């Protein structure tokens, strides 16, 4: 079906009982709407107008840019840990008292460390009586200690009177500032885990807020939190505030991503939905490339963090120019406001007379056939969890949701496992981050081209199959063939990144408007379960066998690919607004063979 035919079908596909009509001649003249004051017209007129407005013109491109740019900031901060938490080239314990007496570092290490200067990267020190050695020079101390048994080793970080020395430029990373090494290494990893924890809770929280109170409202809250968290991370005087800032960054990163993605998906025309949804994901690797350049020019971690923080103030522009989703307004029964947003004027009075605009509570009360007694505690509780009950309350949507939860979790798990495995090989940090961003861009380009010709379901299955095969072929490669192993891991990453873009688009189209962001948010939450599990799979299971992490990913990816075949195809399909429409449409499809 051509793009023009698809557009005509979408414009003319009015609901039952609607008298709105659309006509387009073969010469491509403007579509004319026949506005009659018949009940049911207003909503369809808004949808028809939105389809035309989202098909071409400046409004479409302004919306695309406003939704795209915030995710570039996510590319900054999600990968900034590579530079903020970089380990020093060497570190060891020194005795300040001996340094004051003119001893060199090498002389102190030969006395205080087992194996002397050959022992690098250690936080242990021999517990000699250094007050006794301080009056001596190095030669006298060696003669004095000759033949004496070595005392016990103690922790430099836990014993008073010692200091850690770091072979790194001052202020280059967070490691020397809070001694995040040796027995405190877990605290360094927690800085990155804090970001995943924030995204874990932020994805579901802002997803529900977006469906409950609107895309723009949820985005505005997240953007405000984003700016505050950036400043807290940059100027944090203590470690706990740094963690708090990173958690806030993770939560707000999800909050600016998913409402913007839902807003874009809901309001662009069907002709542009596929490629714009994929192009939306280009923002993340673009952020990674900018990060690599910034880190190359700026080395102190606080200066780098500040440089990455300043662009976040541009989010203030979005508060003014970003609009609420007309399709979300329609799903909440606010047809007249949606009409004003689409056409820039009030709805005609004859349509307003036939359309009584209801608030969400009233709409739900009438839909349930109840009277005006919704003030009970049970009703308020049901309203609070209404998005969850709509998502899991029917077998059709529940099945889709569970499959999406699994595929998102597996996709994120494999993405981070391949990244962590590749990081075990020595590489320039700037080049590595830039290469990773380039691979992601290539993956998005490939997925965009494939989606132009094939459906969502078949595309995601093929990418899952390709990635799974690449990861399982690692089993046939000797461990010593480092280049081949890394190449296969990067090829697997290419497939995983491509399928992530397709899965995100497919998920947005699988669920109706009233619960779309809830579904995306919960799926993102499950994805971060995978990202938090990835380090344990690499570090713990990888010690048992170097091939275990990639094998787990390969098998999981193939299983996810098979499960995607249970999804319906959504290419060129009209987006649904309500959960009941999904149930009705699937019921009609299942009854079709019986009619024949």
Protein backbone atom coordinates (compact mmCIF):
# COMPACT_ATOMS: atom_id res chain seq x y z
CA UNK A 1 0.00 0.00 0.00
CA UNK A 2 1.45 3.39 -1.01
CA UNK A 3 1.87 6.27 1.40
CA UNK A 4 -0.89 8.31 -0.32
CA UNK A 5 -3.32 5.40 -0.17
CA UNK A 6 -2.53 4.90 3.51
CA UNK A 7 -3.14 8.56 4.24
CA UNK A 8 -6.45 8.48 2.41
CA UNK A 9 -7.55 5.40 4.29
CA UNK A 10 -6.66 6.95 7.65
CA UNK A 11 -8.45 10.19 6.86
CA UNK A 12 -11.59 8.47 5.63
CA UNK A 13 -11.71 5.77 8.32
CA UNK A 14 -14.32 7.36 10.57
CA UNK A 15 -15.95 5.55 13.50
CA UNK A 16 -19.46 4.07 13.36
CA UNK A 17 -22.11 6.72 13.77
CA UNK A 18 -19.81 9.57 12.69
CA UNK A 19 -20.91 11.83 9.87
CA UNK A 20 -17.42 13.35 9.39
CA UNK A 21 -16.01 12.59 5.97
CA UNK A 22 -12.74 13.22 4.15
CA UNK A 23 -12.01 13.33 0.48
CA UNK A 24 -8.76 13.68 -1.44
CA UNK A 25 -8.62 13.85 -5.22
CA UNK A 26 -5.92 12.19 -7.30
CA UNK A 27 -4.14 15.47 -7.83
CA UNK A 28 -3.39 15.70 -4.13
CA UNK A 29 -5.64 18.66 -3.38
CA UNK A 30 -6.43 19.62 0.17
CA UNK A 31 -8.77 17.37 2.13
CA UNK A 32 -12.18 18.85 2.92
CA UNK A 33 -14.12 17.95 6.03
CA UNK A 34 -17.89 17.88 5.98
CA UNK A 35 -18.76 19.27 9.40
CA UNK A 36 -22.31 18.42 10.49
CA UNK A 37 -23.74 18.93 13.93
CA UNK A 38 -24.26 15.22 14.52
CA UNK A 39 -23.23 13.54 17.78
CA UNK A 40 -19.84 11.89 17.47
CA UNK A 41 -18.42 14.35 14.92
CA UNK A 42 -16.08 16.42 17.08
CA UNK A 43 -13.66 13.67 18.05
CA UNK A 44 -13.35 12.35 14.51
CA UNK A 45 -12.86 15.84 13.09
CA UNK A 46 -9.98 16.36 15.54
CA UNK A 47 -8.44 13.02 14.55
CA UNK A 48 -8.74 13.84 10.85
CA UNK A 49 -7.21 17.26 11.41
CA UNK A 50 -4.43 15.78 13.52
CA UNK A 51 -3.63 13.26 10.78
CA UNK A 52 -3.26 16.08 8.25
CA UNK A 53 -1.31 18.30 10.63
CA UNK A 54 1.06 15.45 11.55
CA UNK A 55 1.67 14.62 7.90
CA UNK A 56 3.48 17.77 6.82
CA UNK A 57 4.28 21.36 7.74
CA UNK A 58 6.29 23.28 10.33
CA UNK A 59 4.23 21.97 13.28
CA UNK A 60 5.43 18.45 12.53
CA UNK A 61 9.11 19.41 12.46
CA UNK A 62 8.93 21.65 15.52
CA UNK A 63 7.32 18.80 17.45
CA UNK A 64 9.98 16.39 16.22
CA UNK A 65 12.86 18.66 17.29
CA UNK A 66 11.31 19.42 20.69
CA UNK A 67 10.84 15.72 21.41
CA UNK A 68 14.24 14.71 20.03
CA UNK A 69 16.60 17.13 21.77
CA UNK A 70 16.05 16.13 25.44
CA UNK A 71 17.26 12.60 24.76
CA UNK A 72 20.63 13.95 23.61
CA UNK A 73 21.15 14.91 27.26
CA UNK A 74 20.48 11.29 28.24
CA UNK A 75 23.33 10.26 25.96
CA UNK A 76 25.56 12.61 27.97
CA UNK A 77 24.87 11.31 31.43
CA UNK A 78 24.20 7.60 30.97
CA UNK A 79 27.71 7.15 29.52
CA UNK A 80 29.48 9.88 31.50
CA UNK A 81 30.39 7.34 34.20
CA UNK A 82 33.11 6.01 31.86
CA UNK A 83 34.94 9.29 32.43
CA UNK A 84 33.70 10.37 35.86
CA UNK A 85 34.63 7.04 37.43
CA UNK A 86 37.81 6.23 35.50
CA UNK A 87 40.38 4.34 37.49
CA UNK A 88 43.88 5.81 38.00
CA UNK A 89 46.77 4.13 36.21
CA UNK A 90 48.27 3.14 39.54
CA UNK A 91 47.58 3.62 43.24
CA UNK A 92 49.36 2.61 46.43
CA UNK A 93 49.77 3.54 50.09
CA UNK A 94 52.35 6.01 51.35
CA UNK A 95 53.53 7.14 54.80
CA UNK A 96 53.25 10.95 55.20
CA UNK A 97 55.78 10.93 58.03
CA UNK A 98 58.46 9.42 55.78
CA UNK A 99 57.58 11.78 52.94
CA UNK A 100 58.25 14.71 55.25
CA UNK A 101 61.70 13.29 55.96
CA UNK A 102 62.55 13.33 52.25
CA UNK A 103 61.91 9.68 51.34
CA UNK A 104 60.82 9.06 47.74
CA UNK A 105 57.70 7.08 46.85
CA UNK A 106 59.75 4.19 45.54
CA UNK A 107 61.77 4.01 48.75
CA UNK A 108 58.62 4.00 50.87
CA UNK A 109 57.01 1.29 48.73
CA UNK A 110 60.11 -0.93 48.92
CA UNK A 111 59.88 -0.79 52.70
CA UNK A 112 56.12 -0.80 53.23
CA UNK A 113 54.78 -3.08 50.48
CA UNK A 114 55.28 -6.74 49.76
CA UNK A 115 57.23 -7.11 46.48
CA UNK A 116 58.11 -3.39 46.66
CA UNK A 117 57.67 -1.22 43.58
CA UNK A 118 56.57 -4.21 41.48
CA UNK A 119 53.30 -4.32 43.44
CA UNK A 120 50.87 -1.91 41.75
CA UNK A 121 47.24 -1.17 42.47
CA UNK A 122 47.22 -2.05 46.15
CA UNK A 123 45.68 -0.59 49.30
CA UNK A 124 47.60 -2.82 51.74
CA UNK A 125 50.68 -1.75 53.71
CA UNK A 126 53.07 -3.54 56.09
CA UNK A 127 52.43 -2.33 59.63
CA UNK A 128 56.01 -1.43 60.64
CA UNK A 129 56.70 1.02 63.44
CA UNK A 130 57.23 3.95 61.09
CA UNK A 131 57.86 6.35 63.99
CA UNK A 132 60.97 4.30 64.64
CA UNK A 133 62.03 4.47 60.98
CA UNK A 134 61.39 8.19 60.51
CA UNK A 135 64.76 9.42 61.92
CA UNK A 136 66.64 7.08 59.52
CA UNK A 137 67.34 7.45 55.83
CA UNK A 138 66.34 4.73 53.38
CA UNK A 139 69.67 2.84 53.49
CA UNK A 140 69.74 2.82 57.28
CA UNK A 141 66.10 1.59 57.41
CA UNK A 142 66.86 -1.32 55.03
CA UNK A 143 69.81 -2.37 57.19
CA UNK A 144 67.74 -2.02 60.37
CA UNK A 145 64.89 -4.19 59.04
CA UNK A 146 67.11 -6.84 57.47
CA UNK A 147 66.37 -10.26 58.89
CA UNK A 148 63.22 -9.17 60.74
CA UNK A 149 59.96 -10.97 59.88
CA UNK A 150 57.38 -8.93 58.00
CA UNK A 151 54.55 -7.61 60.17
CA UNK A 152 50.91 -8.05 59.20
CA UNK A 153 49.41 -6.10 56.34
CA UNK A 154 46.72 -3.55 57.18
CA UNK A 155 44.29 -1.56 55.06
CA UNK A 156 45.53 1.88 54.12
CA UNK A 157 41.94 3.13 53.93
CA UNK A 158 41.00 1.92 57.40
CA UNK A 159 44.19 2.65 59.35
CA UNK A 160 45.10 6.12 60.62
CA UNK A 161 48.47 7.58 59.71
CA UNK A 162 48.54 6.46 56.07
CA UNK A 163 47.48 8.06 52.79
CA UNK A 164 46.62 6.76 49.34
CA UNK A 165 48.54 8.04 46.35
CA UNK A 166 46.82 8.06 42.94
CA UNK A 167 48.70 8.20 39.64
CA UNK A 168 46.14 10.50 38.05
CA UNK A 169 45.69 14.19 37.37
CA UNK A 170 44.11 16.00 40.35
CA UNK A 171 40.31 16.04 40.11
CA UNK A 172 40.26 13.82 37.03
CA UNK A 173 37.66 11.42 38.46
CA UNK A 174 35.54 10.69 41.51
CA UNK A 175 37.80 7.78 42.57
CA UNK A 176 40.55 9.74 44.42
CA UNK A 177 38.06 12.21 45.88
CA UNK A 178 36.23 9.55 47.91
CA UNK A 179 38.78 6.68 47.77
CA UNK A 180 36.50 4.45 45.69
CA UNK A 181 38.96 1.57 45.35
CA UNK A 182 39.87 -1.78 46.93
CA UNK A 183 37.30 -2.61 49.61
CA UNK A 184 35.40 0.53 48.58
CA UNK A 185 35.19 -0.47 44.89
CA UNK A 186 31.53 -1.38 45.30
CA UNK A 187 30.86 2.28 46.16
CA UNK A 188 32.32 3.27 42.79
CA UNK A 189 30.05 0.80 40.98
CA UNK A 190 27.10 2.10 43.00
CA UNK A 191 27.49 5.49 41.29
CA UNK A 192 26.47 3.82 38.03
CA UNK A 193 23.92 1.52 39.65
CA UNK A 194 22.28 4.62 41.19
CA UNK A 195 21.50 5.83 37.68
CA UNK A 196 19.84 2.48 36.84
CA UNK A 197 17.90 2.56 40.12
CA UNK A 198 16.62 6.03 39.26
CA UNK A 199 15.59 4.90 35.78
CA UNK A 200 13.99 1.79 37.28
CA UNK A 201 11.61 3.82 39.43
CA UNK A 202 11.37 6.83 37.13
CA UNK A 203 10.22 4.84 34.11
CA UNK A 204 7.10 3.43 35.76
CA UNK A 205 6.38 6.56 37.86
CA UNK A 206 6.56 9.05 35.01
CA UNK A 207 4.77 6.58 32.74
CA UNK A 208 1.75 6.56 35.06
CA UNK A 209 1.95 10.34 35.57
CA UNK A 210 2.03 10.85 31.82
CA UNK A 211 -1.10 8.79 31.24
CA UNK A 212 -2.88 10.27 34.24
CA UNK A 213 -2.03 13.97 33.98
CA UNK A 214 -0.73 14.39 30.44
CA UNK A 215 2.48 14.14 28.41
CA UNK A 216 3.51 17.77 28.85
CA UNK A 217 2.83 17.85 32.60
CA UNK A 218 4.90 14.72 33.19
CA UNK A 219 7.69 16.03 30.95
CA UNK A 220 7.79 19.38 32.77
CA UNK A 221 8.14 17.72 36.17
CA UNK A 222 10.92 15.47 34.86
CA UNK A 223 12.74 18.37 33.18
CA UNK A 224 12.75 20.37 36.43
CA UNK A 225 14.11 17.35 38.30
CA UNK A 226 16.70 16.89 35.55
CA UNK A 227 18.15 20.37 36.04
CA UNK A 228 18.25 20.07 39.85
CA UNK A 229 19.86 16.61 39.70
CA UNK A 230 22.50 17.84 37.26
CA UNK A 231 23.50 20.64 39.61
CA UNK A 232 23.50 18.31 42.61
CA UNK A 233 25.75 15.82 40.80
CA UNK A 234 28.18 18.52 39.69
CA UNK A 235 28.56 20.36 43.00
CA UNK A 236 27.98 17.51 45.48
CA UNK A 237 30.39 17.98 48.42
CA UNK A 238 29.82 14.48 49.80
CA UNK A 239 29.42 11.03 48.28
CA UNK A 240 25.80 10.52 49.40
CA UNK A 241 24.67 13.69 47.61
CA UNK A 242 26.43 12.46 44.49
CA UNK A 243 24.40 9.25 44.67
CA UNK A 244 21.21 11.23 45.22
CA UNK A 245 21.98 13.37 42.19
CA UNK A 246 22.63 10.28 40.04
CA UNK A 247 19.36 8.68 41.15
CA UNK A 248 17.55 11.89 40.24
CA UNK A 249 19.29 11.94 36.86
CA UNK A 250 18.16 8.39 36.14
CA UNK A 251 14.56 9.05 37.15
CA UNK A 252 14.32 12.29 35.19
CA UNK A 253 16.04 10.73 32.16
CA UNK A 254 13.13 8.31 31.87
CA UNK A 255 10.73 11.17 32.56
CA UNK A 256 11.92 13.25 29.61
CA UNK A 257 12.29 10.28 27.27
CA UNK A 258 9.02 8.35 27.39
CA UNK A 259 6.47 11.21 27.51
CA UNK A 260 8.31 12.85 24.59
CA UNK A 261 8.36 9.57 22.67
CA UNK A 262 4.65 8.97 23.32
CA UNK A 263 3.85 12.56 22.32
CA UNK A 264 5.73 12.15 19.04
CA UNK A 265 4.27 8.71 18.24
CA UNK A 266 0.70 9.81 18.92
CA UNK A 267 0.70 12.98 16.85
CA UNK A 268 2.81 12.38 13.74
CA UNK A 269 1.08 11.08 10.65
CA UNK A 270 1.13 7.41 9.79
CA UNK A 271 3.38 8.13 6.81
CA UNK A 272 6.19 9.43 9.06
CA UNK A 273 5.62 7.37 12.20
CA UNK A 274 8.14 4.59 11.47
CA UNK A 275 11.15 6.63 10.41
CA UNK A 276 10.62 9.45 12.91
CA UNK A 277 10.24 6.99 15.78
CA UNK A 278 13.53 5.37 14.81
CA UNK A 279 15.21 8.73 14.16
CA UNK A 280 14.13 9.71 17.67
CA UNK A 281 16.66 7.15 18.95
CA UNK A 282 19.52 8.83 17.08
CA UNK A 283 19.60 11.41 19.85
CA UNK A 284 21.21 9.01 22.33
CA UNK A 285 24.31 8.08 20.25
CA UNK A 286 24.62 11.73 19.17
CA UNK A 287 24.86 12.56 22.87
CA UNK A 288 27.55 9.89 23.25
CA UNK A 289 29.61 11.41 20.43
CA UNK A 290 29.32 14.88 21.98
CA UNK A 291 30.30 13.38 25.34
CA UNK A 292 33.43 11.80 23.83
CA UNK A 293 34.44 15.15 22.35
CA UNK A 294 33.73 17.04 25.58
CA UNK A 295 35.70 14.50 27.64
CA UNK A 296 38.62 14.84 25.22
CA UNK A 297 38.72 18.60 25.78
CA UNK A 298 37.75 18.73 29.48
CA UNK A 299 39.45 16.42 32.00
CA UNK A 300 38.47 17.37 35.59
CA UNK A 301 35.27 15.46 36.33
CA UNK A 302 33.45 18.40 37.91
CA UNK A 303 34.25 20.66 34.95
CA UNK A 304 33.06 17.93 32.57
CA UNK A 305 29.87 17.45 34.58
CA UNK A 306 29.25 21.21 34.56
CA UNK A 307 29.75 21.32 30.79
CA UNK A 308 27.16 18.56 30.44
CA UNK A 309 24.82 20.33 32.87
CA UNK A 310 24.63 23.70 31.11
CA UNK A 311 22.67 22.39 28.06
CA UNK A 312 19.98 21.04 30.40
CA UNK A 313 18.82 24.63 31.03
CA UNK A 314 17.57 24.62 27.43
CA UNK A 315 14.76 22.40 28.66
CA UNK A 316 13.11 25.59 29.94
CA UNK A 317 12.27 26.32 26.29
CA UNK A 318 10.21 23.13 26.19
CA UNK A 319 8.03 24.38 29.04
CA UNK A 320 6.71 27.08 26.73
CA UNK A 321 6.73 25.54 23.25
CA UNK A 322 5.91 21.88 23.93
CA UNK A 323 2.17 21.17 23.62
CA UNK A 324 -0.07 18.57 25.19
CA UNK A 325 -0.95 15.54 23.07
CA UNK A 326 -4.33 16.10 21.35
CA UNK A 327 -4.81 12.35 21.15
CA UNK A 328 -4.33 12.06 24.93
CA UNK A 329 -6.86 14.84 25.44
CA UNK A 330 -9.35 12.92 23.31
CA UNK A 331 -8.78 9.76 25.35
CA UNK A 332 -9.69 11.78 28.46
CA UNK A 333 -12.88 13.20 26.92
CA UNK A 334 -11.51 16.73 26.37
CA UNK A 335 -12.53 17.11 22.73
CA UNK A 336 -12.96 20.89 22.74
CA UNK A 337 -9.45 21.55 24.06
CA UNK A 338 -8.03 19.07 21.56
CA UNK A 339 -9.90 20.91 18.78
CA UNK A 340 -8.34 24.24 19.83
CA UNK A 341 -4.86 22.71 19.81
CA UNK A 342 -5.25 21.15 16.37
CA UNK A 343 -7.11 23.97 14.57
CA UNK A 344 -6.03 26.98 16.67
CA UNK A 345 -9.59 28.14 17.33
CA UNK A 346 -12.64 27.20 19.34
CA UNK A 347 -14.86 24.39 18.12
CA UNK A 348 -18.04 25.47 16.28
CA UNK A 349 -20.97 25.97 18.60
CA UNK A 350 -23.12 23.37 16.83
CA UNK A 351 -20.49 20.73 17.58
CA UNK A 352 -20.10 21.89 21.17
CA UNK A 353 -23.85 21.54 21.69
CA UNK A 354 -23.74 17.94 20.54
CA UNK A 355 -20.60 17.09 22.49
CA UNK A 356 -20.72 17.34 26.28
CA UNK A 357 -17.13 17.36 27.39
CA UNK A 358 -16.55 15.13 30.37
CA UNK A 359 -13.70 14.95 32.82
CA UNK A 360 -11.99 11.56 33.23
CA UNK A 361 -13.91 10.67 36.39
CA UNK A 362 -17.26 11.41 34.76
CA UNK A 363 -16.36 9.48 31.65
CA UNK A 364 -15.44 6.44 33.67
CA UNK A 365 -18.62 6.71 35.75
CA UNK A 366 -20.86 6.81 32.68
CA UNK A 367 -18.89 4.04 30.97
CA UNK A 368 -19.43 1.86 34.01
CA UNK A 369 -23.12 2.64 34.12
CA UNK A 370 -22.97 3.94 37.69
CA UNK A 371 -24.67 6.88 39.27
CA UNK A 372 -23.04 9.86 40.89
CA UNK A 373 -21.71 8.10 43.96
CA UNK A 374 -18.04 7.63 43.17
CA UNK A 375 -16.77 9.08 46.43
CA UNK A 376 -16.21 5.74 48.17
CA UNK A 377 -12.73 4.62 49.13
CA UNK A 378 -12.94 1.61 46.81
CA UNK A 379 -13.75 3.82 43.86
CA UNK A 380 -10.83 6.15 44.57
CA UNK A 381 -8.55 3.14 44.90
CA UNK A 382 -9.77 1.81 41.57
CA UNK A 383 -9.19 5.19 39.96
CA UNK A 384 -5.66 5.31 41.36
CA UNK A 385 -4.75 1.98 39.77
CA UNK A 386 -7.00 2.30 36.73
CA UNK A 387 -4.05 2.36 34.29
CA UNK A 388 -2.68 -0.88 35.72
CA UNK A 389 -6.05 -2.62 35.64
CA UNK A 390 -6.53 -1.57 32.02
CA UNK A 391 -3.07 -2.86 31.12
CA UNK A 392 -3.38 -6.26 32.81
CA UNK A 393 -7.15 -6.56 33.13
CA UNK A 394 -7.82 -8.28 29.78
CA UNK A 395 -6.08 -11.44 28.49
CA UNK A 396 -5.15 -9.76 25.19
CA UNK A 397 -3.37 -6.72 26.66
CA UNK A 398 -1.94 -8.74 29.56
CA UNK A 399 -0.34 -11.18 27.10
CA UNK A 400 1.14 -8.33 25.09
CA UNK A 401 2.43 -6.63 28.24
CA UNK A 402 4.14 -9.74 29.63
CA UNK A 403 5.84 -10.48 26.31
CA UNK A 404 7.02 -6.86 26.07
CA UNK A 405 8.34 -7.00 29.64
CA UNK A 406 10.46 -10.03 28.76
CA UNK A 407 11.74 -8.69 25.44
CA UNK A 408 12.69 -5.32 26.94
CA UNK A 409 14.48 -6.98 29.86
CA UNK A 410 16.43 -9.31 27.55
CA UNK A 411 17.30 -6.48 25.15
CA UNK A 412 18.70 -4.30 27.93
CA UNK A 413 20.50 -7.22 29.57
CA UNK A 414 22.30 -8.17 26.36
CA UNK A 415 23.12 -4.58 25.50
CA UNK A 416 24.91 -4.01 28.81
CA UNK A 417 26.51 -7.47 28.95
CA UNK A 418 28.15 -6.93 25.56
CA UNK A 419 29.25 -3.44 26.65
CA UNK A 420 30.82 -4.74 29.88
CA UNK A 421 32.53 -7.65 28.16
CA UNK A 422 34.06 -5.36 25.55
CA UNK A 423 35.25 -2.97 28.23
CA UNK A 424 37.50 -5.68 29.66
CA UNK A 425 39.83 -5.12 26.69
CA UNK A 426 42.23 -2.18 26.97
CA UNK A 427 40.96 0.70 24.85
CA UNK A 428 41.09 4.46 24.77
CA UNK A 429 37.98 5.66 26.61
CA UNK A 430 37.21 8.46 24.17
CA UNK A 431 37.61 6.21 21.15
CA UNK A 432 35.56 3.45 22.79
CA UNK A 433 32.60 5.71 23.61
CA UNK A 434 32.71 7.31 20.16
CA UNK A 435 32.86 3.88 18.49
CA UNK A 436 29.94 2.64 20.56
CA UNK A 437 27.88 5.66 19.54
CA UNK A 438 28.80 5.12 15.89
CA UNK A 439 27.72 1.48 16.07
CA UNK A 440 24.40 2.54 17.57
CA UNK A 441 23.84 5.09 14.80
CA UNK A 442 24.54 2.41 12.18
CA UNK A 443 22.08 0.09 13.91
CA UNK A 444 19.34 2.74 13.87
CA UNK A 445 19.94 3.48 10.17
CA UNK A 446 19.65 -0.21 9.34
CA UNK A 447 16.47 -0.60 11.37
CA UNK A 448 14.97 2.47 9.69
CA UNK A 449 15.64 1.08 6.22
CA UNK A 450 14.29 -2.36 7.09
CA UNK A 451 11.12 -0.93 8.67
CA UNK A 452 10.37 0.97 5.48
CA UNK A 453 9.76 -2.35 3.71
CA UNK A 454 8.83 -4.84 6.41
CA UNK A 455 6.51 -4.97 9.40
CA UNK A 456 7.38 -4.49 13.06
CA UNK A 457 6.90 -8.14 14.01
CA UNK A 458 9.03 -9.67 11.24
CA UNK A 459 11.76 -7.03 11.67
CA UNK A 460 12.12 -7.54 15.40
CA UNK A 461 12.16 -11.32 14.98
CA UNK A 462 14.92 -11.16 12.36
CA UNK A 463 17.06 -8.80 14.44
CA UNK A 464 16.60 -10.99 17.53
CA UNK A 465 17.59 -14.04 15.47
CA UNK A 466 20.66 -12.28 14.05
CA UNK A 467 21.85 -11.03 17.46
CA UNK A 468 21.28 -14.43 19.09
CA UNK A 469 23.30 -16.24 16.41
CA UNK A 470 26.19 -13.75 16.72
CA UNK A 471 26.33 -14.20 20.49
CA UNK A 472 26.13 -18.00 20.33
CA UNK A 473 28.82 -18.27 17.63
CA UNK A 474 31.23 -16.97 20.30
CA UNK A 475 31.17 -20.53 21.66
CA UNK A 476 32.98 -21.73 18.54
CA UNK A 477 35.75 -19.11 18.80
CA UNK A 478 38.85 -19.73 20.95
CA UNK A 479 39.24 -17.33 23.84
CA UNK A 480 42.70 -16.34 22.58
CA UNK A 481 41.17 -14.90 19.40
CA UNK A 482 40.47 -11.56 21.02
CA UNK A 483 39.72 -9.69 17.80
CA UNK A 484 37.17 -12.26 16.67
CA UNK A 485 35.45 -12.36 20.08
CA UNK A 486 35.20 -8.57 20.30
CA UNK A 487 33.97 -8.33 16.70
CA UNK A 488 31.21 -10.85 17.36
CA UNK A 489 30.25 -8.99 20.55
CA UNK A 490 30.00 -5.73 18.59
CA UNK A 491 27.97 -7.43 15.85
CA UNK A 492 25.65 -8.72 18.55
CA UNK A 493 25.45 -5.19 19.99
CA UNK A 494 24.54 -3.92 16.53
CA UNK A 495 21.59 -6.31 16.37
CA UNK A 496 20.49 -5.58 19.94
CA UNK A 497 20.56 -1.82 19.39
CA UNK A 498 18.57 -2.17 16.17
CA UNK A 499 15.96 -4.41 17.78
CA UNK A 500 15.63 -2.03 20.73
CA UNK A 501 14.49 0.73 18.38
CA UNK A 502 11.97 -1.58 16.71
CA UNK A 503 10.68 -2.98 20.01
CA UNK A 504 10.16 0.53 21.39
CA UNK A 505 8.10 1.55 18.37
CA UNK A 506 6.17 -1.74 18.31
CA UNK A 507 5.34 -1.46 22.01
CA UNK A 508 4.06 2.11 21.60
CA UNK A 509 1.72 0.93 18.83
CA UNK A 510 0.53 -2.20 20.64
CA UNK A 511 -1.20 -0.31 23.46
CA UNK A 512 -3.98 2.30 23.34
CA UNK A 513 -3.42 5.96 24.12
CA UNK A 514 -4.92 5.90 27.60
CA UNK A 515 -2.30 3.37 28.84
CA UNK A 516 0.46 3.77 26.26
CA UNK A 517 2.89 5.60 28.51
CA UNK A 518 2.11 3.31 31.42
CA UNK A 519 3.04 0.35 29.21
CA UNK A 520 6.22 2.05 27.99
CA UNK A 521 7.18 3.05 31.53
CA UNK A 522 6.70 -0.44 33.00
CA UNK A 523 8.54 -2.00 30.07
CA UNK A 524 11.40 0.41 30.68
CA UNK A 525 11.36 -0.59 34.35
CA UNK A 526 11.80 -4.23 33.31
CA UNK A 527 14.58 -3.16 30.98
CA UNK A 528 16.48 -1.71 33.91
CA UNK A 529 16.10 -5.00 35.76
CA UNK A 530 18.20 -6.39 32.93
CA UNK A 531 20.72 -3.56 33.09
CA UNK A 532 21.18 -4.04 36.85
CA UNK A 533 21.59 -7.83 36.43
CA UNK A 534 24.20 -7.47 33.68
CA UNK A 535 27.21 -6.65 35.94
CA UNK A 536 26.53 -9.69 38.12
CA UNK A 537 26.30 -11.99 35.11
CA UNK A 538 29.57 -10.64 33.75
CA UNK A 539 31.49 -10.53 37.04
CA UNK A 540 30.19 -13.63 38.84
CA UNK A 541 29.18 -16.10 36.13
CA UNK A 542 32.00 -14.87 33.90
CA UNK A 543 34.48 -16.17 36.51
CA UNK A 544 33.03 -19.66 36.11
CA UNK A 545 33.33 -19.56 32.34
CA UNK A 546 34.17 -16.68 30.02
CA UNK A 547 31.55 -17.89 27.51
CA UNK A 548 28.63 -18.06 29.99
CA UNK A 549 27.45 -14.39 29.74
CA UNK A 550 27.24 -14.39 25.94
CA UNK A 551 25.59 -17.81 25.94
CA UNK A 552 22.91 -16.65 28.38
CA UNK A 553 22.28 -13.61 26.18
CA UNK A 554 22.19 -15.64 22.98
CA UNK A 555 19.60 -18.11 24.32
CA UNK A 556 17.50 -15.32 25.89
CA UNK A 557 17.51 -13.30 22.67
CA UNK A 558 16.31 -16.27 20.61
CA UNK A 559 13.50 -16.89 23.11
CA UNK A 560 12.49 -13.21 22.93
CA UNK A 561 12.44 -13.41 19.13
CA UNK A 562 10.06 -16.37 19.18
CA UNK A 563 7.73 -14.61 21.62
CA UNK A 564 7.48 -11.53 19.39
CA UNK A 565 5.77 -13.70 16.79
CA UNK A 566 2.74 -13.78 19.12
CA UNK A 567 2.28 -10.02 18.73
CA UNK A 568 -0.08 -8.58 16.10
CA UNK A 569 1.40 -6.59 13.24
CA UNK A 570 0.94 -2.83 13.72
CA UNK A 571 2.46 -1.38 10.57
CA UNK A 572 0.00 1.05 8.91
CA UNK A 573 -2.51 0.24 11.67
CA UNK A 574 -4.54 3.04 13.20
CA UNK A 575 -3.63 3.77 16.81
CA UNK A 576 -6.34 2.89 19.33
CA UNK A 577 -7.33 5.29 22.09
CA UNK A 578 -9.05 2.96 24.56
CA UNK A 579 -8.42 -0.56 25.84
CA UNK A 580 -11.94 -1.63 24.84
CA UNK A 581 -11.10 -0.91 21.21
CA UNK A 582 -8.20 -3.36 21.32
CA UNK A 583 -10.40 -6.09 22.77
CA UNK A 584 -13.12 -5.40 20.20
CA UNK A 585 -10.73 -5.35 17.24
CA UNK A 586 -9.08 -8.61 18.24
CA UNK A 587 -12.48 -10.18 18.77
CA UNK A 588 -13.52 -9.11 15.28
CA UNK A 589 -10.37 -10.63 13.80
CA UNK A 590 -10.91 -13.94 15.56
CA UNK A 591 -14.54 -14.06 14.43
CA UNK A 592 -13.72 -13.35 10.78
CA UNK A 593 -13.03 -16.98 9.76
CA UNK A 594 -16.35 -18.02 11.29
CA UNK A 595 -18.19 -15.45 9.16
CA UNK A 596 -16.59 -16.86 6.07
